[in-house]
């Protein structure tokens, strides 16, 4: 049974995924043990989990529509889900049968994967790709909004604010992979993994997280937060309106993510809604609020099979199975 404290705990971890249980308990007025036990229950039921993946703007990130014969769709989905560069796989409405996200360390890897691997899978008969050129609002910014201003401020204060610059190394890759498997793994366990002092690992962690080399977020299943629809609105905007659009989008609480992309539509906005009427209202609000916007397609997610490495069940809960993304040094 999900209660208000569960929602507030997840909200805290959305603000800072590695917040200590002591701090979480202090903010919520419960013990550290209770906070940890609540999280382990939610995570064990597949309702909430920590996701770690490469920064989309430091890699080559593509969104690919895949056309596939219906009879081969289950096998193609399984093959796509097992590839580490294919971080997300969805069935959705629109022109493509599948929508996949790819995060690759270089253009050659990206091109080879799309053209020579995905394009040659049995049953695939077409692909269309666009590249992310800029992230306006990342998926890590979405909140369940269960906390008041005071607790939100307390939670924000627990996040590390500064870290010295460092050159990416193989050690950073090992740390990122460990965080992908378990975003709550302790610094002591990481120190044992690296055979390094805890203080050294903590400094590396801070540089990794604050420096924007990786992205961490707390994800939730639809039933946890109560949304029924996840939709992507494709639009075209004049380049001179980009700053104003970005400013206005950051004030939209329903917005899940927003990116500038290449292709016929240069703006992708993903948001969550409870009903189709809410969806239409949000669409109309955006059209009125955002200057110089030419609405395009509306794509509705029907079923997600993989989300930033984590394999999902039919209800959108994590199965606990992870295909670790590729973290390039």
Protein backbone atom coordinates (compact mmCIF):
# COMPACT_ATOMS: atom_id res chain seq x y z
CA UNK A 1 0.00 0.00 0.00
CA UNK A 2 1.47 3.35 -1.09
CA UNK A 3 1.02 6.18 1.39
CA UNK A 4 1.99 9.83 1.59
CA UNK A 5 5.30 9.08 3.32
CA UNK A 6 6.29 6.79 0.44
CA UNK A 7 5.58 9.59 -2.02
CA UNK A 8 7.55 12.06 0.06
CA UNK A 9 10.50 9.68 0.36
CA UNK A 10 10.63 9.19 -3.41
CA UNK A 11 10.34 12.96 -3.87
CA UNK A 12 13.42 13.37 -1.67
CA UNK A 13 15.36 10.86 -3.77
CA UNK A 14 14.25 12.61 -6.95
CA UNK A 15 15.88 15.75 -5.57
CA UNK A 16 19.05 13.87 -4.56
CA UNK A 17 19.15 10.12 -5.36
CA UNK A 18 22.08 9.46 -2.98
CA UNK A 19 20.66 11.30 0.01
CA UNK A 20 21.58 9.47 3.21
CA UNK A 21 18.81 7.64 5.06
CA UNK A 22 19.68 9.74 8.09
CA UNK A 23 18.94 12.96 6.19
CA UNK A 24 15.83 11.49 4.60
CA UNK A 25 14.53 10.40 7.99
CA UNK A 26 15.33 13.74 9.58
CA UNK A 27 13.41 15.66 6.88
CA UNK A 28 10.39 13.32 7.01
CA UNK A 29 10.36 12.90 10.80
CA UNK A 30 11.02 9.15 10.72
CA UNK A 31 14.03 7.03 11.60
CA UNK A 32 16.79 6.27 9.13
CA UNK A 33 15.91 2.58 9.40
CA UNK A 34 12.28 3.25 8.58
CA UNK A 35 13.29 5.35 5.56
CA UNK A 36 15.60 2.58 4.31
CA UNK A 37 12.97 -0.13 4.86
CA UNK A 38 10.33 1.86 2.99
CA UNK A 39 12.69 2.31 0.04
CA UNK A 40 13.65 -1.37 -0.04
CA UNK A 41 9.95 -2.30 -0.11
CA UNK A 42 9.15 0.09 -2.94
CA UNK A 43 12.22 -0.98 -4.89
CA UNK A 44 11.54 -4.68 -4.31
CA UNK A 45 8.01 -4.26 -5.68
CA UNK A 46 9.39 -2.54 -8.78
CA UNK A 47 7.59 0.71 -7.97
CA UNK A 48 10.64 2.97 -7.56
CA UNK A 49 14.29 2.65 -8.55
CA UNK A 50 17.45 4.68 -9.15
CA UNK A 51 18.55 5.08 -12.76
CA UNK A 52 22.08 6.11 -13.78
CA UNK A 53 23.07 6.78 -17.38
CA UNK A 54 25.53 8.89 -19.43
CA UNK A 55 24.86 12.59 -19.81
CA UNK A 56 22.87 12.86 -23.06
CA UNK A 57 24.71 16.01 -24.14
CA UNK A 58 28.19 14.54 -23.73
CA UNK A 59 27.39 11.50 -25.89
CA UNK A 60 25.79 10.94 -29.29
CA UNK A 61 22.12 10.42 -28.46
CA UNK A 62 19.63 9.35 -31.11
CA UNK A 63 15.89 8.75 -31.06
CA UNK A 64 15.00 6.13 -33.66
CA UNK A 65 11.60 5.12 -35.00
CA UNK A 66 11.67 1.46 -36.06
CA UNK A 67 9.22 -0.08 -38.52
CA UNK A 68 8.75 -3.79 -37.92
CA UNK A 69 6.53 -6.64 -39.10
CA UNK A 70 3.98 -7.54 -36.43
CA UNK A 71 4.92 -11.23 -36.38
CA UNK A 72 8.57 -10.45 -35.59
CA UNK A 73 7.91 -7.64 -33.10
CA UNK A 74 8.43 -9.68 -29.87
CA UNK A 75 11.79 -11.03 -31.05
CA UNK A 76 12.97 -7.61 -32.27
CA UNK A 77 12.00 -6.04 -28.94
CA UNK A 78 13.95 -8.70 -27.07
CA UNK A 79 17.03 -8.17 -29.25
CA UNK A 80 16.89 -4.40 -28.87
CA UNK A 81 16.46 -4.62 -25.10
CA UNK A 82 19.62 -6.71 -24.73
CA UNK A 83 21.90 -4.23 -26.54
CA UNK A 84 23.79 -1.91 -24.13
CA UNK A 85 23.76 1.08 -26.52
CA UNK A 86 19.97 0.84 -26.90
CA UNK A 87 18.98 2.33 -23.56
CA UNK A 88 15.18 2.61 -23.99
CA UNK A 89 12.59 0.68 -26.01
CA UNK A 90 8.91 1.63 -26.29
CA UNK A 91 5.84 0.64 -28.29
CA UNK A 92 3.91 3.77 -29.18
CA UNK A 93 1.43 5.37 -31.52
CA UNK A 94 2.65 7.17 -34.60
CA UNK A 95 4.46 6.21 -37.77
CA UNK A 96 6.93 3.79 -36.16
CA UNK A 97 6.10 0.53 -34.40
CA UNK A 98 8.91 1.04 -31.90
CA UNK A 99 10.69 4.06 -30.48
CA UNK A 100 14.23 3.43 -29.25
CA UNK A 101 16.79 5.67 -27.60
CA UNK A 102 20.47 5.09 -28.31
CA UNK A 103 23.37 6.58 -26.37
CA UNK A 104 26.70 5.97 -28.12
CA UNK A 105 30.23 7.24 -27.41
CA UNK A 106 30.86 8.31 -31.03
CA UNK A 107 29.11 8.83 -34.34
CA UNK A 108 30.62 5.73 -35.92
CA UNK A 109 29.19 3.48 -33.19
CA UNK A 110 25.82 5.17 -33.50
CA UNK A 111 25.67 4.91 -37.29
CA UNK A 112 26.85 1.31 -37.34
CA UNK A 113 24.25 0.30 -34.77
CA UNK A 114 21.32 1.94 -36.58
CA UNK A 115 22.19 1.05 -40.16
CA UNK A 116 24.08 -2.21 -39.92
CA UNK A 117 22.51 -3.83 -36.86
CA UNK A 118 18.99 -2.51 -36.25
CA UNK A 119 18.34 -2.11 -39.97
CA UNK A 120 19.25 -5.76 -40.59
CA UNK A 121 17.22 -7.35 -37.81
CA UNK A 122 14.75 -9.86 -39.18
CA UNK A 123 11.41 -8.12 -39.61
CA UNK A 124 12.71 -4.54 -39.50
CA UNK A 125 11.91 -2.73 -42.75
CA UNK A 126 12.65 0.90 -41.95
CA UNK A 127 14.14 3.38 -39.48
CA UNK A 128 14.05 7.16 -39.03
CA UNK A 129 16.52 8.87 -36.73
CA UNK A 130 16.96 12.24 -35.07
CA UNK A 131 19.77 13.42 -32.84
CA UNK A 132 19.41 15.30 -29.56
CA UNK A 133 21.30 18.57 -29.86
CA UNK A 134 20.36 20.07 -26.50
CA UNK A 135 18.49 18.99 -23.38
CA UNK A 136 16.07 21.67 -22.19
CA UNK A 137 14.59 19.73 -19.27
CA UNK A 138 16.03 16.33 -18.36
CA UNK A 139 14.06 13.34 -17.10
CA UNK A 140 15.75 13.80 -13.73
CA UNK A 141 13.82 17.06 -13.22
CA UNK A 142 10.34 15.49 -13.02
CA UNK A 143 8.87 15.23 -9.50
CA UNK A 144 5.92 13.53 -7.81
CA UNK A 145 5.45 16.86 -5.98
CA UNK A 146 4.65 15.39 -2.58
CA UNK A 147 6.83 17.82 -0.57
CA UNK A 148 6.09 21.33 0.59
CA UNK A 149 8.52 24.23 0.05
CA UNK A 150 10.28 23.82 3.41
CA UNK A 151 11.11 20.14 2.95
CA UNK A 152 12.06 20.71 -0.67
CA UNK A 153 14.52 23.36 0.46
CA UNK A 154 15.95 21.02 3.13
CA UNK A 155 16.38 18.25 0.56
CA UNK A 156 18.05 20.55 -1.97
CA UNK A 157 20.55 21.62 0.68
CA UNK A 158 21.79 17.99 1.04
CA UNK A 159 22.99 17.82 -2.57
CA UNK A 160 26.71 18.35 -3.25
CA UNK A 161 27.04 21.78 -4.83
CA UNK A 162 30.63 22.02 -6.07
CA UNK A 163 33.45 19.74 -7.14
CA UNK A 164 36.84 20.38 -8.78
CA UNK A 165 37.21 19.58 -12.47
CA UNK A 166 38.86 16.29 -13.37
CA UNK A 167 39.87 14.37 -16.47
CA UNK A 168 37.58 11.38 -17.10
CA UNK A 169 39.28 8.08 -16.40
CA UNK A 170 38.65 4.34 -16.40
CA UNK A 171 37.95 4.58 -12.68
CA UNK A 172 35.07 6.94 -13.41
CA UNK A 173 33.64 4.37 -15.81
CA UNK A 174 33.82 1.64 -13.15
CA UNK A 175 32.10 3.96 -10.66
CA UNK A 176 29.39 4.87 -13.16
CA UNK A 177 28.71 1.22 -13.96
CA UNK A 178 28.46 0.40 -10.25
CA UNK A 179 26.01 3.27 -9.74
CA UNK A 180 23.96 2.06 -12.70
CA UNK A 181 23.58 -1.33 -11.02
CA UNK A 182 22.79 0.19 -7.62
CA UNK A 183 22.45 3.95 -7.30
CA UNK A 184 22.35 3.62 -3.52
CA UNK A 185 25.55 1.58 -3.21
CA UNK A 186 27.65 2.81 -0.29
CA UNK A 187 30.98 4.60 -0.64
CA UNK A 188 32.50 1.81 1.49
CA UNK A 189 31.38 -0.84 -1.00
CA UNK A 190 32.69 1.25 -3.88
CA UNK A 191 36.02 1.68 -2.08
CA UNK A 192 36.26 -2.09 -1.74
CA UNK A 193 35.46 -2.49 -5.44
CA UNK A 194 38.19 -0.04 -6.46
CA UNK A 195 40.63 -1.04 -3.71
CA UNK A 196 40.89 2.63 -2.78
CA UNK A 197 40.38 4.74 0.37
CA UNK A 198 36.76 5.75 1.09
CA UNK A 199 37.73 9.44 1.14
CA UNK A 200 39.21 9.15 -2.36
CA UNK A 201 36.09 7.41 -3.66
CA UNK A 202 33.83 10.05 -2.12
CA UNK A 203 35.78 12.80 -3.89
CA UNK A 204 35.55 10.95 -7.21
CA UNK A 205 31.83 10.41 -6.70
CA UNK A 206 31.25 14.08 -6.05
CA UNK A 207 33.19 15.08 -9.18
CA UNK A 208 31.29 12.51 -11.23
CA UNK A 209 27.85 13.64 -10.03
CA UNK A 210 28.35 17.39 -9.83
CA UNK A 211 30.44 17.56 -12.99
CA UNK A 212 27.55 16.36 -15.13
CA UNK A 213 29.37 13.37 -16.60
CA UNK A 214 26.48 11.10 -15.63
CA UNK A 215 22.81 11.61 -14.83
CA UNK A 216 21.08 10.02 -11.85
CA UNK A 217 17.37 10.06 -11.19
CA UNK A 218 14.72 8.27 -9.14
CA UNK A 219 12.18 6.66 -11.47
CA UNK A 220 8.72 5.41 -10.55
CA UNK A 221 6.12 3.12 -12.07
CA UNK A 222 2.88 4.70 -13.37
CA UNK A 223 0.78 3.20 -10.55
CA UNK A 224 3.04 4.79 -7.96
CA UNK A 225 2.54 8.38 -9.09
CA UNK A 226 -0.89 7.88 -10.63
CA UNK A 227 -0.44 8.96 -14.24
CA UNK A 228 -2.16 7.04 -17.01
CA UNK A 229 -0.54 8.50 -20.13
CA UNK A 230 3.01 9.38 -21.13
CA UNK A 231 3.03 11.35 -24.34
CA UNK A 232 5.51 13.13 -26.59
CA UNK A 233 4.53 16.25 -28.45
CA UNK A 234 6.61 17.00 -31.55
CA UNK A 235 6.74 20.59 -32.73
CA UNK A 236 8.78 23.01 -34.80
CA UNK A 237 10.02 26.26 -33.33
CA UNK A 238 11.96 29.17 -34.79
CA UNK A 239 15.55 29.18 -33.57
CA UNK A 240 15.34 32.78 -32.34
CA UNK A 241 12.59 31.70 -29.91
CA UNK A 242 14.66 28.94 -28.28
CA UNK A 243 15.67 30.90 -25.12
CA UNK A 244 12.10 31.99 -24.38
CA UNK A 245 10.70 28.52 -25.02
CA UNK A 246 13.27 26.94 -22.70
CA UNK A 247 12.42 29.49 -20.00
CA UNK A 248 8.69 28.80 -20.20
CA UNK A 249 9.04 25.02 -20.32
CA UNK A 250 10.88 24.87 -17.01
CA UNK A 251 7.71 26.11 -15.29
CA UNK A 252 5.52 23.25 -16.59
CA UNK A 253 5.01 20.71 -13.75
CA UNK A 254 3.64 17.99 -16.05
CA UNK A 255 6.68 18.08 -18.29
CA UNK A 256 8.72 14.88 -18.11
CA UNK A 257 11.50 15.95 -20.49
CA UNK A 258 12.22 18.35 -23.33
CA UNK A 259 14.90 18.30 -26.01
CA UNK A 260 15.99 20.17 -29.12
CA UNK A 261 16.59 17.70 -31.94
CA UNK A 262 17.48 17.40 -35.59
CA UNK A 263 14.81 16.46 -38.10
CA UNK A 264 11.49 17.78 -39.38
CA UNK A 265 10.41 18.67 -35.83
CA UNK A 266 13.16 20.27 -33.77
CA UNK A 267 11.37 20.19 -30.39
CA UNK A 268 10.32 17.10 -28.39
CA UNK A 269 8.25 17.52 -25.23
CA UNK A 270 7.37 14.49 -23.14
CA UNK A 271 4.80 14.85 -20.40
CA UNK A 272 2.55 12.79 -18.16
CA UNK A 273 -1.22 13.10 -17.85
CA UNK A 274 -4.15 11.25 -16.31
CA UNK A 275 -6.71 11.62 -19.11
CA UNK A 276 -6.89 12.54 -22.78
CA UNK A 277 -8.72 15.74 -21.83
CA UNK A 278 -5.80 16.73 -19.61
CA UNK A 279 -3.55 15.95 -22.53
CA UNK A 280 -5.49 18.22 -24.87
CA UNK A 281 -5.54 20.97 -22.28
CA UNK A 282 -1.79 20.79 -21.83
CA UNK A 283 -1.30 20.88 -25.59
CA UNK A 284 -3.50 23.97 -25.92
CA UNK A 285 -1.71 25.69 -23.05
CA UNK A 286 1.66 25.12 -24.67
CA UNK A 287 0.42 26.37 -28.04
CA UNK A 288 -0.84 29.60 -26.43
CA UNK A 289 2.12 30.09 -24.11
CA UNK A 290 5.07 29.29 -26.35
CA UNK A 291 5.81 31.82 -29.10
CA UNK A 292 6.45 30.82 -32.68
CA UNK A 293 5.50 27.18 -32.15
CA UNK A 294 4.17 25.01 -34.98
CA UNK A 295 2.48 21.91 -33.50
CA UNK A 296 3.33 18.57 -35.09
CA UNK A 297 2.61 14.98 -34.12
CA UNK A 298 1.44 13.66 -30.75
CA UNK A 299 2.94 10.28 -29.88
CA UNK A 300 1.41 8.27 -27.02
CA UNK A 301 3.45 5.58 -25.27
CA UNK A 302 1.53 2.30 -25.22
CA UNK A 303 4.08 0.12 -23.44
CA UNK A 304 7.68 0.59 -22.30
CA UNK A 305 9.99 -2.42 -22.33
CA UNK A 306 13.25 -0.76 -21.29
CA UNK A 307 14.05 2.56 -19.63
CA UNK A 308 17.64 3.81 -19.53
CA UNK A 309 18.94 0.27 -19.13
CA UNK A 310 16.30 -1.16 -16.78
CA UNK A 311 13.96 -3.81 -18.18
CA UNK A 312 10.29 -3.18 -17.35
CA UNK A 313 7.24 -5.39 -17.02
CA UNK A 314 3.91 -4.76 -18.78
CA UNK A 315 2.78 -2.40 -16.00
CA UNK A 316 5.89 -0.23 -16.27
CA UNK A 317 7.52 -1.57 -13.10
CA UNK A 318 11.19 -2.45 -13.06
CA UNK A 319 11.92 -6.17 -13.19
CA UNK A 320 15.23 -5.66 -11.40
CA UNK A 321 17.11 -6.70 -14.54
CA UNK A 322 19.59 -4.20 -15.98
CA UNK A 323 21.55 -3.97 -19.21
CA UNK A 324 24.31 -1.56 -18.14
CA UNK A 325 24.64 1.41 -20.54
CA UNK A 326 28.02 2.18 -22.07
CA UNK A 327 29.87 4.89 -20.11
CA UNK A 328 32.65 6.15 -22.35
CA UNK A 329 35.67 7.70 -20.61
